[in-house]
Amino acid sequence: MPRLEVKNLSKSFGKLTVVDKISFQISSGQVTCLLGPSGCGKSTTLRMIAGVENPSSGQIFVDEELTSSASFQVPPEARSIGLMFQDFALFPHLNVQQNVYFGLAGSKEFKQKRSFGLLEKVGLAHLAFNYPHSLSGGEQQRVALVRALAPQPKIMLMDEPFSGLDDRLRDEIRDETFNLLRSEDAAVLMVTHDPQEAMKVADEIALMRDGKILQRGAPYNIYNAPVDLKALQFFSDANAIQATLNGSLADTPFGQFFAPGLPDGTDIDIVFRPQHVRIDFDRKGRGPLPTASQGIAARGIVQRARFVGNESLIEFKMDFGLRIKVSVPNVFLPNKGHPLWLTVPRDKCYIFPK
């Protein structure tokens, strides 16, 4: 049974449709990320599930019970939903413990036991009587998390919750957060525009564009089987060659590419990531020799090379005019103007109709 189910959910403001008939399910203990650029409708979706926006159409269910539709609304406080945002929104006049049990019902003894138990899980029990202004950003994030978890919500909604933390803390706090969320068996829906973050934490990614869910699946599948060129480019840099099909084949400076199932005359993009381009060091500029898996080597002139920690990025201007980006593990910094031969493995390419 899904903990959260969204069916054909839409939201319009006047003539502008910002969420357009989206559907998905999340089970207990599952983390789903709504991923997409700013303005794609992901935060509006979150607000409708939380109950702070009313849908124009569609339905939202929690444990198979209707909580929201165009004509019916369960109050936000009765939905058993926790919220975490970029702004930690802690009460400055309450200490840490008081912040955590602010929304809890029950006896004072129960509230203290529940709040201290959660604070111990995140290593902050010793700060229970401190006030928010004395805490670091990471500590405030942990307090915001346990405050949201204290009422034991069935669903946790998170809107860019880690973007306010510096890089050094982000991974550590994020890992702690999702370990705790899974231990509480909450269904988690997180909004982010960062594909790397989504891939690190999500069991499932729902890629949004223009108010629609373009593609859903496990991070591995979303990354390795993108539905179109924009989806691929959202996750990584990409090189694209334009070509026209003739008999299911496209001629390019890198040799022919096979694209079955598309009619003759179709204009296509042949797309490949920088890490999949091969520098043919054995060629040493002697000229292209075709191979079955690599096609034809094409010559490029180094325009720029830089080292970025665990790889080197090299930009080439090809003899046929296109610029190609290549990434190479470790340090490789050829001089500007140096010629090298490049090949493109066929099994690492994507072909999309234009």
Protein backbone atom coordinates (compact mmCIF):
# COMPACT_ATOMS: atom_id res chain seq x y z
CA MET A 1 0.00 0.00 0.00
CA PRO A 2 1.46 3.40 -0.94
CA ARG A 3 1.91 5.83 1.91
CA LEU A 4 1.45 8.79 -0.48
CA GLU A 5 -0.37 8.66 -3.81
CA VAL A 6 -0.80 11.57 -6.22
CA LYS A 7 -3.28 11.12 -9.09
CA ASN A 8 -3.51 13.47 -12.10
CA LEU A 9 -2.63 16.47 -9.95
CA SER A 10 -2.82 19.89 -11.63
CA LYS A 11 -2.52 23.49 -10.51
CA SER A 12 -3.26 26.60 -12.55
CA PHE A 13 -2.99 30.28 -11.72
CA GLY A 14 -5.34 31.98 -14.15
CA LYS A 15 -4.39 30.77 -17.62
CA LEU A 16 -0.95 29.56 -16.48
CA THR A 17 -0.71 25.83 -15.69
CA VAL A 18 2.25 25.22 -13.39
CA VAL A 19 1.54 21.55 -12.54
CA ASP A 20 0.00 19.45 -15.29
CA LYS A 21 -1.63 16.08 -14.49
CA ILE A 22 1.22 14.46 -12.57
CA SER A 23 0.93 11.08 -10.84
CA PHE A 24 3.26 9.10 -8.56
CA GLN A 25 3.33 6.94 -5.43
CA ILE A 26 5.73 6.72 -2.46
CA SER A 27 5.92 3.83 0.02
CA SER A 28 7.01 3.90 3.66
CA GLY A 29 10.78 4.22 3.98
CA GLN A 30 11.14 5.33 0.35
CA VAL A 31 12.85 8.55 -0.75
CA THR A 32 11.59 10.16 -3.95
CA CYS A 33 13.09 13.33 -5.40
CA LEU A 34 11.18 15.80 -7.55
CA LEU A 35 14.03 17.07 -9.70
CA GLY A 36 13.97 19.88 -12.19
CA PRO A 37 14.92 23.47 -13.00
CA SER A 38 13.41 26.48 -11.24
CA GLY A 39 9.83 27.10 -12.30
CA CYS A 40 9.05 23.53 -13.36
CA GLY A 41 6.31 23.08 -10.73
CA LYS A 42 8.06 20.92 -8.15
CA SER A 43 7.62 23.27 -5.15
CA THR A 44 3.99 23.91 -6.07
CA THR A 45 3.46 20.14 -6.03
CA LEU A 46 4.99 19.98 -2.56
CA ARG A 47 2.73 22.77 -1.29
CA MET A 48 -0.39 21.01 -2.59
CA ILE A 49 0.60 17.79 -0.79
CA ALA A 50 1.27 19.80 2.39
CA GLY A 51 -2.15 21.43 2.12
CA VAL A 52 -1.06 25.04 1.73
CA GLU A 53 -2.17 25.14 -1.94
CA ASN A 54 -5.43 23.69 -3.29
CA PRO A 55 -5.28 21.58 -6.47
CA SER A 56 -7.13 22.76 -9.55
CA SER A 57 -7.80 19.10 -10.33
CA GLY A 58 -6.60 15.65 -9.32
CA GLN A 59 -6.37 13.91 -5.96
CA ILE A 60 -3.90 13.30 -3.12
CA PHE A 61 -4.17 10.24 -0.87
CA VAL A 62 -2.38 9.36 2.38
CA ASP A 63 -2.67 5.67 3.28
CA GLU A 64 -5.41 5.41 0.62
CA GLU A 65 -7.52 8.11 2.29
CA LEU A 66 -8.33 11.24 0.29
CA THR A 67 -6.69 14.33 1.77
CA SER A 68 -7.00 16.80 -1.10
CA SER A 69 -8.89 17.46 -4.32
CA ALA A 70 -10.37 20.50 -6.06
CA SER A 71 -13.45 20.27 -3.82
CA PHE A 72 -12.16 18.61 -0.62
CA GLN A 73 -9.37 19.53 1.79
CA VAL A 74 -8.15 17.89 4.98
CA PRO A 75 -6.52 20.66 7.09
CA PRO A 76 -2.70 20.66 6.88
CA GLU A 77 -2.31 19.91 10.58
CA ALA A 78 -4.46 16.77 10.25
CA ARG A 79 -2.49 15.19 7.38
CA SER A 80 0.36 13.63 9.43
CA ILE A 81 2.91 15.38 7.22
CA GLY A 82 6.24 16.85 8.34
CA LEU A 83 7.88 19.78 6.59
CA MET A 84 11.52 20.82 6.17
CA PHE A 85 12.62 23.86 4.20
CA GLN A 86 15.80 25.72 3.30
CA ASP A 87 14.93 28.19 6.09
CA PHE A 88 15.15 26.18 9.32
CA ALA A 89 12.42 28.41 10.86
CA LEU A 90 13.34 27.68 14.48
CA PHE A 91 11.63 29.75 17.17
CA PRO A 92 14.35 32.08 18.51
CA HIS A 93 12.66 32.52 21.92
CA LEU A 94 12.50 28.73 22.57
CA ASN A 95 15.45 26.52 23.46
CA VAL A 96 16.31 23.44 21.44
CA GLN A 97 14.17 21.03 23.44
CA GLN A 98 11.21 23.39 23.39
CA ASN A 99 11.55 23.79 19.62
CA VAL A 100 11.48 20.02 19.18
CA TYR A 101 8.39 19.33 21.25
CA PHE A 102 6.50 22.48 20.23
CA GLY A 103 4.08 20.58 18.01
CA LEU A 104 3.83 17.44 20.12
CA ALA A 105 0.65 16.37 21.88
CA GLY A 106 0.68 14.43 25.14
CA SER A 107 2.07 14.75 28.63
CA LYS A 108 5.14 16.78 29.50
CA GLU A 109 6.94 13.55 30.36
CA PHE A 110 6.16 12.08 26.92
CA LYS A 111 7.28 15.26 25.16
CA GLN A 112 10.59 15.31 27.05
CA LYS A 113 11.25 11.64 26.39
CA ARG A 114 10.47 11.89 22.68
CA SER A 115 12.48 15.09 22.15
CA PHE A 116 15.54 13.90 24.09
CA GLY A 117 15.43 10.56 22.27
CA LEU A 118 15.54 12.26 18.88
CA LEU A 119 18.19 14.76 19.96
CA GLU A 120 20.37 11.87 21.12
CA LYS A 121 20.03 10.24 17.68
CA VAL A 122 21.52 13.33 16.05
CA GLY A 123 24.12 13.98 18.76
CA LEU A 124 22.54 17.16 20.15
CA ALA A 125 21.16 16.08 23.54
CA HIS A 126 23.88 18.12 25.25
CA LEU A 127 22.52 21.27 23.56
CA ALA A 128 18.90 20.73 24.61
CA PHE A 129 18.76 23.93 26.66
CA ASN A 130 20.68 26.14 24.24
CA TYR A 131 18.92 28.67 22.03
CA PRO A 132 18.99 28.63 18.20
CA HIS A 133 21.24 31.69 17.86
CA SER A 134 24.05 29.80 19.60
CA LEU A 135 23.96 26.87 17.17
CA SER A 136 25.89 26.36 13.95
CA GLY A 137 24.06 25.95 10.65
CA GLY A 138 24.49 22.18 10.77
CA GLU A 139 23.17 22.01 14.33
CA GLN A 140 20.15 24.14 13.41
CA GLN A 141 19.45 21.80 10.50
CA ARG A 142 19.49 18.79 12.84
CA VAL A 143 17.10 20.52 15.25
CA ALA A 144 14.73 21.37 12.38
CA LEU A 145 14.82 17.71 11.31
CA VAL A 146 14.00 16.23 14.71
CA ARG A 147 11.30 18.86 15.28
CA ALA A 148 9.64 17.76 12.03
CA LEU A 149 10.01 14.10 13.02
CA ALA A 150 8.84 14.45 16.62
CA PRO A 151 5.10 13.97 15.86
CA GLN A 152 6.00 10.80 13.88
CA PRO A 153 4.60 12.00 10.53
CA LYS A 154 3.74 9.44 7.90
CA ILE A 155 5.24 11.64 5.19
CA MET A 156 8.18 14.07 5.23
CA LEU A 157 8.23 16.86 2.64
CA MET A 158 11.57 18.59 2.05
CA ASP A 159 12.11 21.67 -0.12
CA GLU A 160 15.82 22.27 -0.89
CA PRO A 161 16.62 21.55 2.78
CA PHE A 162 20.42 21.41 2.44
CA SER A 163 21.10 24.33 0.09
CA GLY A 164 21.85 26.67 3.00
CA LEU A 165 24.74 24.52 4.25
CA ASP A 166 28.33 24.81 3.07
CA ASP A 167 29.83 22.01 1.00
CA ARG A 168 31.86 20.63 3.90
CA LEU A 169 28.76 19.97 5.99
CA ARG A 170 26.21 19.16 3.31
CA ASP A 171 27.07 15.52 2.67
CA GLU A 172 27.46 14.70 6.36
CA ILE A 173 24.16 16.32 7.40
CA ARG A 174 22.32 14.87 4.41
CA ASP A 175 23.47 11.33 5.18
CA GLU A 176 22.50 11.67 8.86
CA THR A 177 19.11 13.07 7.87
CA PHE A 178 18.15 10.25 5.53
CA ASN A 179 19.45 7.56 7.86
CA LEU A 180 17.15 8.95 10.56
CA LEU A 181 14.20 9.34 8.17
CA ARG A 182 14.52 5.73 7.06
CA SER A 183 14.76 4.54 10.67
CA GLU A 184 11.47 6.35 11.35
CA ASP A 185 9.91 4.62 8.29
CA ALA A 186 8.64 7.89 6.84
CA ALA A 187 7.83 8.29 3.16
CA VAL A 188 10.04 11.14 1.93
CA LEU A 189 9.44 13.54 -0.94
CA MET A 190 12.30 15.97 -1.53
CA VAL A 191 12.42 18.84 -4.01
CA THR A 192 15.80 19.74 -5.48
CA HIS A 193 17.28 21.28 -8.61
CA ASP A 194 20.62 19.50 -8.03
CA PRO A 195 20.86 16.21 -9.99
CA GLN A 196 23.91 15.06 -8.05
CA GLU A 197 22.06 15.46 -4.76
CA ALA A 198 19.04 13.59 -6.12
CA MET A 199 21.22 10.70 -7.28
CA LYS A 200 22.92 10.46 -3.88
CA VAL A 201 19.77 10.21 -1.76
CA ALA A 202 16.82 9.07 -3.89
CA ASP A 203 15.37 5.62 -4.37
CA GLU A 204 13.39 7.12 -7.23
CA ILE A 205 13.73 10.34 -9.22
CA ALA A 206 10.82 12.10 -10.91
CA LEU A 207 12.29 14.48 -13.48
CA MET A 208 10.01 17.48 -14.05
CA ARG A 209 9.82 19.99 -16.89
CA ASP A 210 7.12 22.55 -17.67
CA GLY A 211 4.79 21.21 -14.99
CA LYS A 212 4.93 17.60 -16.15
CA ILE A 213 6.83 14.55 -14.94
CA LEU A 214 9.02 13.79 -17.92
CA GLN A 215 10.60 10.58 -16.60
CA ARG A 216 10.52 8.47 -13.43
CA GLY A 217 12.84 5.74 -12.24
CA ALA A 218 15.84 4.71 -10.20
CA PRO A 219 18.80 7.12 -10.41
CA TYR A 220 20.85 4.62 -12.47
CA ASN A 221 18.08 4.27 -15.05
CA ILE A 222 17.34 7.99 -15.25
CA TYR A 223 21.02 8.75 -15.83
CA ASN A 224 21.74 5.97 -18.31
CA ALA A 225 18.46 5.99 -20.26
CA PRO A 226 17.45 9.66 -20.64
CA VAL A 227 14.29 10.28 -22.62
CA ASP A 228 15.66 13.19 -24.63
CA LEU A 229 18.61 15.53 -25.09
CA LYS A 230 17.51 18.02 -22.42
CA ALA A 231 17.11 15.23 -19.87
CA LEU A 232 20.65 14.03 -20.56
CA GLN A 233 22.05 17.57 -20.40
CA PHE A 234 20.36 18.16 -17.04
CA PHE A 235 22.54 15.46 -15.45
CA SER A 236 25.87 16.11 -17.16
CA ASP A 237 27.76 17.94 -19.89
CA ALA A 238 27.12 16.53 -23.32
CA ASN A 239 28.52 16.76 -26.83
CA ALA A 240 26.04 16.69 -29.71
CA ILE A 241 26.55 16.15 -33.43
CA GLN A 242 23.73 16.94 -35.85
CA ALA A 243 23.14 14.54 -38.74
CA THR A 244 20.45 13.32 -41.16
CA LEU A 245 19.46 9.68 -41.56
CA ASN A 246 19.73 7.83 -44.85
CA GLY A 247 18.79 4.16 -44.75
CA SER A 248 18.98 4.13 -40.92
CA LEU A 249 22.57 5.41 -41.12
CA ALA A 250 23.96 8.85 -40.34
CA ASP A 251 27.29 10.01 -41.77
CA THR A 252 29.51 12.07 -39.45
CA PRO A 253 33.21 12.94 -39.20
CA PHE A 254 33.41 10.14 -36.60
CA GLY A 255 32.05 7.61 -39.08
CA GLN A 256 28.57 6.21 -39.55
CA PHE A 257 26.03 5.80 -36.79
CA PHE A 258 23.16 3.30 -36.93
CA ALA A 259 19.69 4.55 -35.92
CA PRO A 260 17.05 1.92 -36.66
CA GLY A 261 13.35 2.67 -36.48
CA LEU A 262 13.51 6.26 -37.74
CA PRO A 263 12.48 7.23 -41.28
CA ASP A 264 14.90 8.47 -43.92
CA GLY A 265 15.49 12.19 -43.81
CA THR A 266 15.06 12.45 -40.02
CA ASP A 267 17.34 15.04 -38.46
CA ILE A 268 18.96 13.63 -35.32
CA ASP A 269 21.28 14.57 -32.48
CA ILE A 270 24.05 12.07 -31.76
CA VAL A 271 24.93 12.74 -28.13
CA PHE A 272 27.80 11.51 -25.95
CA ARG A 273 29.22 12.55 -22.60
CA PRO A 274 32.74 14.00 -22.23
CA GLN A 275 33.98 10.99 -20.22
CA HIS A 276 33.09 8.63 -23.07
CA VAL A 277 35.23 10.28 -25.75
CA ARG A 278 38.48 8.38 -26.31
CA ILE A 279 41.78 10.10 -27.06
CA ASP A 280 43.65 7.90 -29.50
CA PHE A 281 47.19 8.26 -28.14
CA ASP A 282 48.52 5.48 -30.41
CA ARG A 283 47.52 7.33 -33.57
CA LYS A 284 50.04 10.11 -32.96
CA GLY A 285 48.50 12.23 -35.70
CA ARG A 286 49.01 9.73 -38.50
CA GLY A 287 45.38 9.84 -39.65
CA PRO A 288 42.06 8.11 -39.15
CA LEU A 289 41.61 4.34 -39.38
CA PRO A 290 38.04 3.03 -39.01
CA THR A 291 37.11 0.34 -36.47
CA ALA A 292 33.76 -1.37 -35.87
CA SER A 293 33.20 -0.19 -32.30
CA GLN A 294 35.00 3.17 -32.38
CA GLY A 295 34.16 4.41 -35.88
CA ILE A 296 36.62 6.85 -37.44
CA ALA A 297 39.10 8.95 -35.49
CA ALA A 298 38.73 12.69 -36.06
CA ARG A 299 41.39 15.29 -35.39
CA GLY A 300 40.91 18.07 -32.86
CA ILE A 301 43.08 20.96 -31.70
CA VAL A 302 43.33 21.62 -27.97
CA GLN A 303 41.69 24.93 -27.05
CA ARG A 304 41.75 24.64 -23.28
CA ALA A 305 42.79 22.15 -20.59
CA ARG A 306 42.27 22.36 -16.84
CA PHE A 307 42.55 20.08 -13.83
CA VAL A 308 39.44 19.92 -11.56
CA GLY A 309 40.42 17.60 -8.71
CA ASN A 310 39.89 14.04 -9.89
CA GLU A 311 39.87 14.59 -13.63
CA SER A 312 41.06 16.88 -16.39
CA LEU A 313 38.72 18.67 -18.77
CA ILE A 314 39.94 19.34 -22.30
CA GLU A 315 38.10 21.33 -24.95
CA PHE A 316 38.89 20.61 -28.61
CA LYS A 317 38.06 22.44 -31.81
CA MET A 318 37.57 19.75 -34.41
CA ASP A 319 38.72 20.03 -38.01
CA PHE A 320 35.04 19.99 -39.04
CA GLY A 321 34.35 23.03 -36.83
CA LEU A 322 32.51 21.51 -33.84
CA ARG A 323 33.82 21.95 -30.32
CA ILE A 324 34.09 18.74 -28.28
CA LYS A 325 34.58 18.44 -24.51
CA VAL A 326 36.57 15.50 -23.16
CA SER A 327 37.19 14.44 -19.55
CA VAL A 328 40.19 12.30 -18.61
CA PRO A 329 40.89 10.74 -15.18
CA ASN A 330 43.74 12.27 -13.18
CA VAL A 331 46.06 14.88 -14.68
CA PHE A 332 46.31 15.41 -18.44
CA LEU A 333 46.99 18.97 -19.55
CA PRO A 334 48.07 19.16 -23.21
CA ASN A 335 49.19 22.54 -24.48
CA LYS A 336 46.82 24.77 -26.41
CA GLY A 337 47.18 24.15 -30.13
CA HIS A 338 48.27 20.53 -29.70
CA PRO A 339 46.54 18.14 -32.19
CA LEU A 340 45.03 14.86 -30.96
CA TRP A 341 42.78 12.22 -32.51
CA LEU A 342 39.44 11.43 -30.90
CA THR A 343 37.04 8.51 -31.28
CA VAL A 344 33.49 8.00 -30.04
CA PRO A 345 32.48 4.50 -28.83
CA ARG A 346 29.13 3.56 -30.37
CA ASP A 347 27.82 1.89 -27.19
CA LYS A 348 28.16 5.16 -25.27
CA CYS A 349 26.09 7.29 -27.65
CA TYR A 350 22.46 8.38 -27.54
CA ILE A 351 20.46 9.23 -30.64
CA PHE A 352 17.48 11.59 -30.35
CA PRO A 353 15.28 12.94 -33.17
CA LYS A 354 15.57 16.73 -33.31
